[in-house]
Structure formats: C-alpha cells, structure tokens
Amino acid sequence: DELRFAAFVLVINSAVGKKDLQAQDQDSAARVQDCREFEKALEEMLGVPEIKESPAQKFRFLKCSMNCSEITREDPAWEKLLSDIRKVSKGVDA
C-alpha cells in the first residue's frame, strides 16, 4: 500500500544535447537518430513496453531522455518531470 502513490522514473542520460537537436546539418541529424535507436533498444532490454502496458504501472512509471550534463533546475524538461512525479504522488491521472 505504501507504494500505491510512488512514482518509478527511468531517466536515460542521452548523448543528444540541445545543440544536436537545434542543428540543421546531416551529421547532427544522424547522431540524433543513432542515439534514439540506442535508447529504444535499451528500453526494450529493460522491459519498458511491458511496464507501460501493465494497468498497475502505466500511470506510475515515467520515462524521460535527457542529456543530464545540460539539465538545470530551471530546465523545462526537468520541471515537467517533477510535475509528473507530483501528479503521481497525489494520485492525479496524468
């Protein structure tokens, strides 16, 4: 019962940075694509699709991919993750 309102978070420390996402050149696009494919394979190995399908876990399980070396407390991606965690802890359907 104590874990009913616990959030379980998978944070993937992505090699894709903000510069890569904003760049328009083919090298950056290829780098982003390669990293996304690696992250998808990692999620498969960890069983993320099965967890997301589980009725008991789909609301409590959160996943995000970010370059942790670039994240600050004010970063919108970080603030969204914290907001989603708060929703889980309050039992609010996301």
N, C-alpha and C. Protein backbone atom coordinates (compact mmCIF):
# COMPACT_ATOMS: atom_id res chain seq x y z
N ASP A 1 0.80 -1.21 0.00
CA ASP A 1 0.00 0.00 0.00
C ASP A 1 0.84 1.27 0.00
N GLU A 2 2.02 1.21 0.68
CA GLU A 2 2.80 2.44 0.74
C GLU A 2 3.36 2.87 -0.61
N LEU A 3 3.42 1.94 -1.55
CA LEU A 3 3.94 2.30 -2.88
C LEU A 3 2.84 2.68 -3.87
N ARG A 4 1.62 2.71 -3.41
CA ARG A 4 0.50 2.99 -4.32
C ARG A 4 0.67 4.32 -5.04
N PHE A 5 1.21 5.31 -4.33
CA PHE A 5 1.38 6.63 -4.94
C PHE A 5 2.85 6.96 -5.18
N ALA A 6 3.66 5.92 -5.35
CA ALA A 6 5.08 6.12 -5.65
C ALA A 6 5.27 6.19 -7.16
N ALA A 7 6.13 7.08 -7.58
CA ALA A 7 6.48 7.18 -9.00
C ALA A 7 7.78 6.41 -9.22
N PHE A 8 7.83 5.69 -10.32
CA PHE A 8 9.03 4.99 -10.72
C PHE A 8 9.52 5.67 -12.00
N VAL A 9 10.74 6.19 -11.95
CA VAL A 9 11.23 7.04 -13.04
C VAL A 9 12.48 6.42 -13.67
N LEU A 10 12.44 6.31 -14.98
CA LEU A 10 13.61 5.91 -15.75
C LEU A 10 14.13 7.16 -16.46
N VAL A 11 15.32 7.57 -16.08
CA VAL A 11 15.97 8.72 -16.74
C VAL A 11 17.12 8.16 -17.57
N ILE A 12 17.01 8.33 -18.86
CA ILE A 12 18.08 7.90 -19.76
C ILE A 12 18.99 9.10 -20.01
N ASN A 13 20.25 8.95 -19.64
CA ASN A 13 21.22 10.01 -19.85
C ASN A 13 21.64 9.96 -21.32
N SER A 14 21.00 10.77 -22.10
CA SER A 14 21.18 10.76 -23.55
C SER A 14 22.44 11.50 -23.96
N ALA A 15 23.06 11.01 -25.00
CA ALA A 15 24.23 11.69 -25.58
C ALA A 15 23.79 12.85 -26.47
N VAL A 16 22.50 12.94 -26.74
CA VAL A 16 21.98 14.01 -27.59
C VAL A 16 21.83 15.27 -26.74
N GLY A 17 22.50 16.31 -27.17
CA GLY A 17 22.42 17.58 -26.47
C GLY A 17 21.52 18.57 -27.19
N LYS A 18 21.32 19.69 -26.55
CA LYS A 18 20.47 20.73 -27.14
C LYS A 18 21.04 21.22 -28.46
N LYS A 19 22.37 21.28 -28.55
CA LYS A 19 22.99 21.72 -29.81
C LYS A 19 22.66 20.76 -30.95
N ASP A 20 22.68 19.46 -30.63
CA ASP A 20 22.36 18.45 -31.66
C ASP A 20 20.92 18.59 -32.13
N LEU A 21 20.02 18.86 -31.21
CA LEU A 21 18.61 18.98 -31.57
C LEU A 21 18.33 20.23 -32.39
N GLN A 22 19.09 21.28 -32.16
CA GLN A 22 18.88 22.54 -32.87
C GLN A 22 19.64 22.61 -34.19
N ALA A 23 20.66 21.79 -34.34
CA ALA A 23 21.49 21.84 -35.55
C ALA A 23 20.70 21.34 -36.76
N GLN A 24 21.06 21.86 -37.91
CA GLN A 24 20.37 21.51 -39.15
C GLN A 24 21.21 20.62 -40.06
N ASP A 25 22.46 20.34 -39.67
CA ASP A 25 23.33 19.57 -40.56
C ASP A 25 23.04 18.07 -40.47
N GLN A 26 23.51 17.34 -41.46
CA GLN A 26 23.25 15.90 -41.55
C GLN A 26 23.97 15.11 -40.46
N ASP A 27 25.15 15.56 -40.06
CA ASP A 27 25.89 14.86 -39.01
C ASP A 27 25.11 14.86 -37.70
N SER A 28 24.57 16.00 -37.35
CA SER A 28 23.79 16.10 -36.12
C SER A 28 22.52 15.27 -36.22
N ALA A 29 21.87 15.30 -37.36
CA ALA A 29 20.66 14.50 -37.55
C ALA A 29 20.96 13.01 -37.44
N ALA A 30 22.08 12.59 -37.99
CA ALA A 30 22.47 11.18 -37.91
C ALA A 30 22.80 10.81 -36.47
N ARG A 31 23.47 11.70 -35.76
CA ARG A 31 23.80 11.45 -34.35
C ARG A 31 22.53 11.31 -33.51
N VAL A 32 21.58 12.18 -33.74
CA VAL A 32 20.31 12.12 -33.00
C VAL A 32 19.61 10.80 -33.31
N GLN A 33 19.56 10.42 -34.56
CA GLN A 33 18.90 9.18 -34.97
C GLN A 33 19.58 7.96 -34.33
N ASP A 34 20.90 7.93 -34.34
CA ASP A 34 21.64 6.82 -33.73
C ASP A 34 21.36 6.72 -32.24
N CYS A 35 21.36 7.86 -31.57
CA CYS A 35 21.11 7.86 -30.12
C CYS A 35 19.69 7.41 -29.81
N ARG A 36 18.73 7.85 -30.61
CA ARG A 36 17.33 7.44 -30.38
C ARG A 36 17.16 5.94 -30.58
N GLU A 37 17.83 5.38 -31.58
CA GLU A 37 17.76 3.94 -31.81
C GLU A 37 18.39 3.17 -30.64
N PHE A 38 19.51 3.67 -30.12
CA PHE A 38 20.14 3.05 -28.97
C PHE A 38 19.22 3.11 -27.75
N GLU A 39 18.60 4.25 -27.53
CA GLU A 39 17.69 4.41 -26.39
C GLU A 39 16.49 3.46 -26.51
N LYS A 40 15.98 3.31 -27.72
CA LYS A 40 14.85 2.40 -27.93
C LYS A 40 15.26 0.95 -27.62
N ALA A 41 16.46 0.57 -28.05
CA ALA A 41 16.96 -0.78 -27.76
C ALA A 41 17.15 -0.96 -26.25
N LEU A 42 17.65 0.05 -25.59
CA LEU A 42 17.83 0.00 -24.14
C LEU A 42 16.48 -0.16 -23.43
N GLU A 43 15.49 0.57 -23.88
CA GLU A 43 14.15 0.45 -23.31
C GLU A 43 13.59 -0.96 -23.50
N GLU A 44 13.83 -1.53 -24.66
CA GLU A 44 13.38 -2.91 -24.91
C GLU A 44 14.04 -3.88 -23.94
N MET A 45 15.36 -3.71 -23.74
CA MET A 45 16.09 -4.60 -22.83
C MET A 45 15.58 -4.48 -21.39
N LEU A 46 15.18 -3.28 -21.00
CA LEU A 46 14.70 -3.04 -19.64
C LEU A 46 13.23 -3.39 -19.46
N GLY A 47 12.55 -3.73 -20.55
CA GLY A 47 11.14 -4.11 -20.46
C GLY A 47 10.18 -2.95 -20.34
N VAL A 48 10.57 -1.79 -20.83
CA VAL A 48 9.72 -0.61 -20.73
C VAL A 48 8.36 -0.80 -21.41
N PRO A 49 8.29 -1.39 -22.61
CA PRO A 49 6.97 -1.55 -23.23
C PRO A 49 6.02 -2.39 -22.37
N GLU A 50 6.54 -3.44 -21.73
CA GLU A 50 5.70 -4.28 -20.88
C GLU A 50 5.24 -3.53 -19.64
N ILE A 51 6.12 -2.72 -19.07
CA ILE A 51 5.76 -1.93 -17.89
C ILE A 51 4.67 -0.93 -18.25
N LYS A 52 4.81 -0.28 -19.41
CA LYS A 52 3.81 0.71 -19.83
C LYS A 52 2.44 0.09 -20.10
N GLU A 53 2.43 -1.18 -20.47
CA GLU A 53 1.16 -1.86 -20.75
C GLU A 53 0.48 -2.36 -19.48
N SER A 54 1.23 -2.51 -18.41
CA SER A 54 0.68 -3.01 -17.15
C SER A 54 -0.28 -1.99 -16.55
N PRO A 55 -1.53 -2.39 -16.30
CA PRO A 55 -2.50 -1.44 -15.74
C PRO A 55 -2.05 -0.83 -14.41
N ALA A 56 -1.36 -1.61 -13.59
CA ALA A 56 -0.94 -1.12 -12.29
C ALA A 56 0.24 -0.16 -12.38
N GLN A 57 1.01 -0.23 -13.46
CA GLN A 57 2.23 0.57 -13.55
C GLN A 57 2.16 1.72 -14.55
N LYS A 58 1.26 1.66 -15.50
CA LYS A 58 1.33 2.65 -16.59
C LYS A 58 1.19 4.09 -16.11
N PHE A 59 0.47 4.32 -15.02
CA PHE A 59 0.32 5.68 -14.51
C PHE A 59 1.54 6.09 -13.67
N ARG A 60 2.14 5.13 -12.97
CA ARG A 60 3.23 5.44 -12.04
C ARG A 60 4.60 5.42 -12.68
N PHE A 61 4.73 4.80 -13.83
CA PHE A 61 6.03 4.68 -14.49
C PHE A 61 6.24 5.86 -15.43
N LEU A 62 7.34 6.56 -15.21
CA LEU A 62 7.68 7.72 -16.03
C LEU A 62 9.03 7.47 -16.68
N LYS A 63 9.17 7.92 -17.91
CA LYS A 63 10.41 7.74 -18.65
C LYS A 63 10.76 9.05 -19.33
N CYS A 64 12.02 9.42 -19.23
CA CYS A 64 12.47 10.60 -19.96
C CYS A 64 13.90 10.39 -20.43
N SER A 65 14.24 11.08 -21.46
CA SER A 65 15.57 11.01 -22.03
C SER A 65 16.10 12.44 -22.09
N MET A 66 17.25 12.65 -21.44
CA MET A 66 17.83 13.99 -21.43
C MET A 66 19.34 13.88 -21.26
N ASN A 67 20.03 14.88 -21.73
CA ASN A 67 21.46 14.94 -21.51
C ASN A 67 21.64 15.55 -20.12
N CYS A 68 21.95 14.70 -19.15
CA CYS A 68 21.99 15.13 -17.75
C CYS A 68 23.05 16.19 -17.48
N SER A 69 24.06 16.27 -18.31
CA SER A 69 25.10 17.29 -18.09
C SER A 69 24.61 18.68 -18.49
N GLU A 70 23.50 18.76 -19.20
CA GLU A 70 22.98 20.06 -19.64
C GLU A 70 21.76 20.51 -18.84
N ILE A 71 21.24 19.67 -17.99
CA ILE A 71 20.00 19.98 -17.28
C ILE A 71 20.28 20.88 -16.08
N THR A 72 19.43 21.86 -15.90
CA THR A 72 19.49 22.73 -14.72
C THR A 72 18.15 22.62 -13.99
N ARG A 73 18.08 23.18 -12.82
CA ARG A 73 16.83 23.15 -12.05
C ARG A 73 15.69 23.86 -12.79
N GLU A 74 16.03 24.83 -13.59
CA GLU A 74 15.01 25.62 -14.30
C GLU A 74 14.68 25.07 -15.68
N ASP A 75 15.32 24.01 -16.09
CA ASP A 75 15.10 23.44 -17.41
C ASP A 75 13.65 22.95 -17.53
N PRO A 76 12.97 23.30 -18.62
CA PRO A 76 11.57 22.87 -18.79
C PRO A 76 11.38 21.35 -18.75
N ALA A 77 12.33 20.60 -19.28
CA ALA A 77 12.22 19.13 -19.26
C ALA A 77 12.26 18.62 -17.83
N TRP A 78 13.14 19.18 -17.00
CA TRP A 78 13.26 18.77 -15.60
C TRP A 78 12.01 19.18 -14.83
N GLU A 79 11.52 20.40 -15.06
CA GLU A 79 10.32 20.87 -14.38
C GLU A 79 9.10 20.02 -14.75
N LYS A 80 9.00 19.59 -15.99
CA LYS A 80 7.90 18.73 -16.40
C LYS A 80 7.98 17.39 -15.70
N LEU A 81 9.18 16.83 -15.60
CA LEU A 81 9.36 15.55 -14.92
C LEU A 81 8.94 15.68 -13.45
N LEU A 82 9.37 16.73 -12.78
CA LEU A 82 8.98 16.93 -11.39
C LEU A 82 7.48 17.11 -11.24
N SER A 83 6.87 17.81 -12.17
CA SER A 83 5.42 17.99 -12.16
C SER A 83 4.70 16.65 -12.32
N ASP A 84 5.20 15.82 -13.23
CA ASP A 84 4.60 14.49 -13.43
C ASP A 84 4.75 13.62 -12.19
N ILE A 85 5.88 13.72 -11.52
CA ILE A 85 6.09 12.96 -10.28
C ILE A 85 5.10 13.42 -9.21
N ARG A 86 4.89 14.72 -9.11
CA ARG A 86 3.92 15.25 -8.15
C ARG A 86 2.51 14.73 -8.44
N LYS A 87 2.15 14.67 -9.71
CA LYS A 87 0.83 14.16 -10.08
C LYS A 87 0.67 12.71 -9.63
N VAL A 88 1.70 11.91 -9.81
CA VAL A 88 1.64 10.51 -9.38
C VAL A 88 1.49 10.43 -7.87
N SER A 89 2.26 11.22 -7.15
CA SER A 89 2.23 11.15 -5.70
C SER A 89 0.89 11.64 -5.13
N LYS A 90 0.21 12.49 -5.86
CA LYS A 90 -1.11 12.96 -5.42
C LYS A 90 -2.24 12.09 -5.94
N GLY A 91 -1.90 11.13 -6.81
CA GLY A 91 -2.91 10.25 -7.35
C GLY A 91 -3.73 10.89 -8.45
N VAL A 92 -3.20 11.90 -9.09
CA VAL A 92 -3.89 12.60 -10.16
C VAL A 92 -3.54 11.91 -11.47
N ASP A 93 -4.54 11.57 -12.26
CA ASP A 93 -4.31 10.90 -13.55
C ASP A 93 -3.64 11.89 -14.49
N ALA A 94 -2.49 11.50 -15.02
CA ALA A 94 -1.74 12.37 -15.94
C ALA A 94 -2.41 12.37 -17.24
